[in-house]
Amino acid sequence: MSAARDYGLPEDYEWPRPPAGGWLADDLDTLPNLPPHTELIDGILVFMSPQTRFHSRTVLLLETALWDQAPEHLEAIREMTVRLDDRNRPEPDVLVVPVVADSGPRQTSFRASDVVLAVEVVSDESRDRDREVKPRKYAAAGVPHFWRVEENEGLPVVYVYELDPALKAYVPTGIHHRTLKLDVPYPIGIDLTAIDRRRTSR
């Protein structure tokens, strides 16, 4: 049986074939029928697996807290890609960007220079990208703050990094269990146990 049929596609379906040198950042806006949350890493299309409850609830918790506590000139947003360069357009789980970076309702991405904070919530299929590939690329592009979030006994653990501009590399500044309290990129406090507040209150 063909791979196309395995996925419920017509027998004559043709998978996207990359051009010589790989796909470019602009291609994400023009290629037909791409699955939601497709990323571009080193010119290669990366498709997302279905996400877990932990991933979904953690992203919602962080986006809401970052939005609610942001100063007036910043906002938090999810499910938007970042153009790091012509061959890399990843989609962090949550971003903090300046309000002035909003170019309108049809906007599909931000420039790396607009990003104040990128947050990645690690999934089984994204572990290597979230731990190694993406942080290295965000740092090289000058993103000043990066959080990696992992699951431990059902709760988020937040690994916080800050960019050393001289090295163009991230320096770890803390590992946060149960409560996240920071002064940068702006004063913020998050009860990480709130991911399960509705379930534990029943």
Protein backbone atom coordinates (compact mmCIF):
# COMPACT_ATOMS: atom_id res chain seq x y z
CA MET A 1 0.00 0.00 0.00
CA SER A 2 1.31 3.45 -0.86
CA ALA A 3 2.13 6.10 1.75
CA ALA A 4 -0.50 8.39 0.20
CA ARG A 5 -3.23 5.84 0.71
CA ASP A 6 -2.06 5.17 4.28
CA TYR A 7 -2.91 8.80 5.04
CA GLY A 8 -6.27 8.74 3.25
CA LEU A 9 -4.98 10.65 0.21
CA PRO A 10 -5.66 9.91 -3.45
CA GLU A 11 -3.35 7.41 -5.11
CA ASP A 12 -2.01 10.13 -7.42
CA TYR A 13 -1.30 12.58 -4.58
CA GLU A 14 2.14 14.19 -4.86
CA TRP A 15 3.96 15.16 -1.69
CA PRO A 16 5.62 18.60 -1.72
CA ARG A 17 9.03 18.29 -3.31
CA PRO A 18 11.59 20.85 -2.18
CA PRO A 19 13.35 22.93 -4.80
CA ALA A 20 17.12 22.82 -5.11
CA GLY A 21 18.49 24.39 -1.96
CA GLY A 22 15.31 23.78 0.02
CA TRP A 23 12.21 25.83 0.75
CA LEU A 24 12.37 29.54 1.66
CA ALA A 25 10.56 31.46 4.40
CA ASP A 26 8.08 33.02 1.98
CA ASP A 27 7.02 29.56 0.78
CA LEU A 28 5.09 28.91 4.01
CA ASP A 29 2.58 31.55 2.90
CA THR A 30 2.11 30.18 -0.62
CA LEU A 31 2.46 26.37 -0.55
CA PRO A 32 -1.02 24.79 -0.80
CA ASN A 33 -2.51 22.39 1.75
CA LEU A 34 0.21 22.63 4.39
CA PRO A 35 -0.88 21.24 7.77
CA PRO A 36 -1.40 23.78 10.56
CA HIS A 37 1.74 24.83 12.43
CA THR A 38 4.17 23.77 9.69
CA GLU A 39 7.65 25.15 10.41
CA LEU A 40 10.69 25.72 8.21
CA ILE A 41 14.01 24.57 9.68
CA ASP A 42 17.11 24.77 7.48
CA GLY A 43 14.96 24.82 4.34
CA ILE A 44 13.02 21.69 5.38
CA LEU A 45 9.28 21.62 6.14
CA VAL A 46 8.60 20.28 9.64
CA PHE A 47 5.08 19.06 10.40
CA MET A 48 3.63 19.05 13.90
CA SER A 49 2.22 15.95 15.58
CA PRO A 50 -1.09 16.16 17.47
CA GLN A 51 -0.43 17.90 20.77
CA THR A 52 -1.06 16.54 24.26
CA ARG A 53 -3.33 18.01 26.91
CA PHE A 54 -0.24 19.07 28.88
CA HIS A 55 1.13 20.97 25.90
CA SER A 56 -2.16 22.73 25.16
CA ARG A 57 -2.90 23.70 28.77
CA THR A 58 0.67 24.90 29.38
CA VAL A 59 0.66 27.10 26.28
CA LEU A 60 -2.68 28.60 27.33
CA LEU A 61 -1.44 29.25 30.89
CA LEU A 62 1.76 30.96 29.73
CA GLU A 63 0.17 33.00 26.96
CA THR A 64 -2.58 34.26 29.28
CA ALA A 65 -0.16 35.18 32.07
CA LEU A 66 2.32 36.86 29.73
CA TRP A 67 -0.51 38.82 28.07
CA ASP A 68 -2.16 39.88 31.34
CA GLN A 69 1.07 41.05 32.96
CA ALA A 70 2.76 42.64 29.94
CA PRO A 71 3.41 46.39 29.94
CA GLU A 72 1.35 48.44 27.52
CA HIS A 73 3.96 48.35 24.74
CA LEU A 74 4.23 44.53 24.65
CA GLU A 75 1.84 41.68 23.93
CA ALA A 76 1.88 37.89 24.02
CA ILE A 77 0.71 35.79 21.09
CA ARG A 78 0.73 32.12 20.10
CA GLU A 79 0.91 30.17 16.86
CA MET A 80 2.88 32.74 14.86
CA THR A 81 6.08 32.00 12.98
CA VAL A 82 9.32 33.97 13.22
CA ARG A 83 11.49 34.74 10.17
CA LEU A 84 14.98 34.10 11.47
CA ASP A 85 16.45 34.12 7.94
CA ASP A 86 15.51 32.95 4.44
CA ARG A 87 15.70 29.25 5.38
CA ASN A 88 14.35 29.25 8.94
CA ARG A 89 10.84 30.16 10.03
CA PRO A 90 10.01 28.29 13.25
CA GLU A 91 6.79 28.67 15.20
CA PRO A 92 7.41 29.15 18.94
CA ASP A 93 4.53 28.09 21.17
CA VAL A 94 4.30 31.58 22.68
CA LEU A 95 5.91 34.89 21.72
CA VAL A 96 6.21 38.27 23.36
CA VAL A 97 6.53 41.08 20.83
CA PRO A 98 6.10 44.86 20.74
CA VAL A 99 2.58 46.04 19.97
CA VAL A 100 4.03 48.11 17.11
CA ALA A 101 5.13 44.87 15.39
CA ASP A 102 1.46 44.20 14.58
CA SER A 103 1.09 44.81 10.84
CA GLY A 104 -2.60 43.91 10.60
CA PRO A 105 -5.05 40.99 10.64
CA ARG A 106 -3.42 39.18 7.68
CA GLN A 107 0.02 39.06 9.31
CA THR A 108 1.52 35.55 9.39
CA SER A 109 4.95 36.06 10.96
CA PHE A 110 7.24 38.35 12.92
CA ARG A 111 10.82 39.38 12.27
CA ALA A 112 13.42 38.01 14.66
CA SER A 113 14.28 41.58 15.65
CA ASP A 114 10.69 42.04 16.91
CA VAL A 115 10.79 39.10 19.31
CA VAL A 116 11.38 39.85 22.99
CA LEU A 117 10.72 36.32 24.28
CA ALA A 118 10.28 32.95 22.57
CA VAL A 119 8.75 30.05 24.51
CA GLU A 120 8.90 26.40 23.47
CA VAL A 121 6.87 23.73 25.28
CA VAL A 122 8.67 20.46 24.66
CA SER A 123 6.79 17.52 23.10
CA ASP A 124 8.09 14.01 22.51
CA GLU A 125 8.52 14.66 18.80
CA SER A 126 10.06 18.11 19.23
CA ARG A 127 12.51 17.37 22.05
CA ASP A 128 15.74 17.67 20.04
CA ARG A 129 14.55 20.75 18.15
CA ASP A 130 13.36 22.52 21.31
CA ARG A 131 16.42 21.66 23.39
CA GLU A 132 19.16 22.15 20.81
CA VAL A 133 18.22 23.40 17.33
CA LYS A 134 15.77 26.20 18.03
CA PRO A 135 17.59 27.81 21.01
CA ARG A 136 20.77 27.96 18.95
CA LYS A 137 18.93 29.61 16.06
CA TYR A 138 16.99 32.05 18.26
CA ALA A 139 20.22 33.12 19.94
CA ALA A 140 22.05 33.56 16.64
CA ALA A 141 19.16 35.75 15.43
CA GLY A 142 19.41 37.95 18.56
CA VAL A 143 16.22 36.97 20.41
CA PRO A 144 17.02 38.24 23.93
CA HIS A 145 14.95 35.82 26.04
CA PHE A 146 14.11 32.14 25.66
CA TRP A 147 12.10 29.75 27.85
CA ARG A 148 12.05 25.97 27.43
CA VAL A 149 9.18 24.26 29.23
CA GLU A 150 9.18 20.57 30.09
CA GLU A 151 6.73 18.31 31.90
CA ASN A 152 7.52 16.77 35.29
CA GLU A 153 4.83 14.79 37.10
CA GLY A 154 2.15 16.60 35.12
CA LEU A 155 3.37 20.13 35.88
CA PRO A 156 5.44 22.58 33.81
CA VAL A 157 9.08 23.17 34.67
CA VAL A 158 10.41 26.36 33.05
CA TYR A 159 14.07 26.64 32.05
CA VAL A 160 14.90 30.32 31.60
CA TYR A 161 17.68 31.66 29.37
CA GLU A 162 19.01 35.13 28.58
CA LEU A 163 21.10 36.07 25.57
CA ASP A 164 24.76 36.93 26.03
CA PRO A 165 25.09 39.39 23.11
CA ALA A 166 28.87 39.04 22.97
CA LEU A 167 28.68 35.27 22.49
CA LYS A 168 25.36 35.19 20.60
CA ALA A 169 24.45 32.31 22.92
CA TYR A 170 21.98 31.76 25.75
CA VAL A 171 23.02 31.68 29.39
CA PRO A 172 20.75 29.75 31.79
CA THR A 173 19.40 31.97 34.56
CA GLY A 174 17.10 29.61 36.43
CA ILE A 175 14.93 26.48 36.60
CA HIS A 176 11.46 27.13 37.94
CA HIS A 177 9.17 24.55 39.56
CA ARG A 178 5.61 25.31 40.69
CA THR A 179 6.16 29.10 40.62
CA LEU A 180 7.82 31.32 38.04
CA LYS A 181 8.85 34.78 39.23
CA LEU A 182 11.06 36.99 37.05
CA ASP A 183 12.05 40.62 36.56
CA VAL A 184 12.91 40.27 32.86
CA PRO A 185 11.79 40.74 30.15
CA TYR A 186 9.30 42.41 32.51
CA PRO A 187 8.09 41.68 36.06
CA ILE A 188 6.04 38.51 35.92
CA GLY A 189 4.75 35.86 38.33
CA ILE A 190 3.06 32.64 37.25
CA ASP A 191 1.61 29.86 39.40
CA LEU A 192 2.68 26.86 37.34
CA THR A 193 0.36 24.55 39.30
CA ALA A 194 -2.61 26.45 37.85
CA ILE A 195 -2.41 24.20 34.78
CA ASP A 196 -4.60 21.75 36.72
CA ARG A 197 -6.61 24.16 38.85
CA ARG A 198 -10.00 23.24 37.36
CA ARG A 199 -9.33 19.52 37.65
CA THR A 200 -8.05 19.61 41.25
CA SER A 201 -10.91 21.85 42.42
CA ARG A 202 -13.56 19.28 41.48
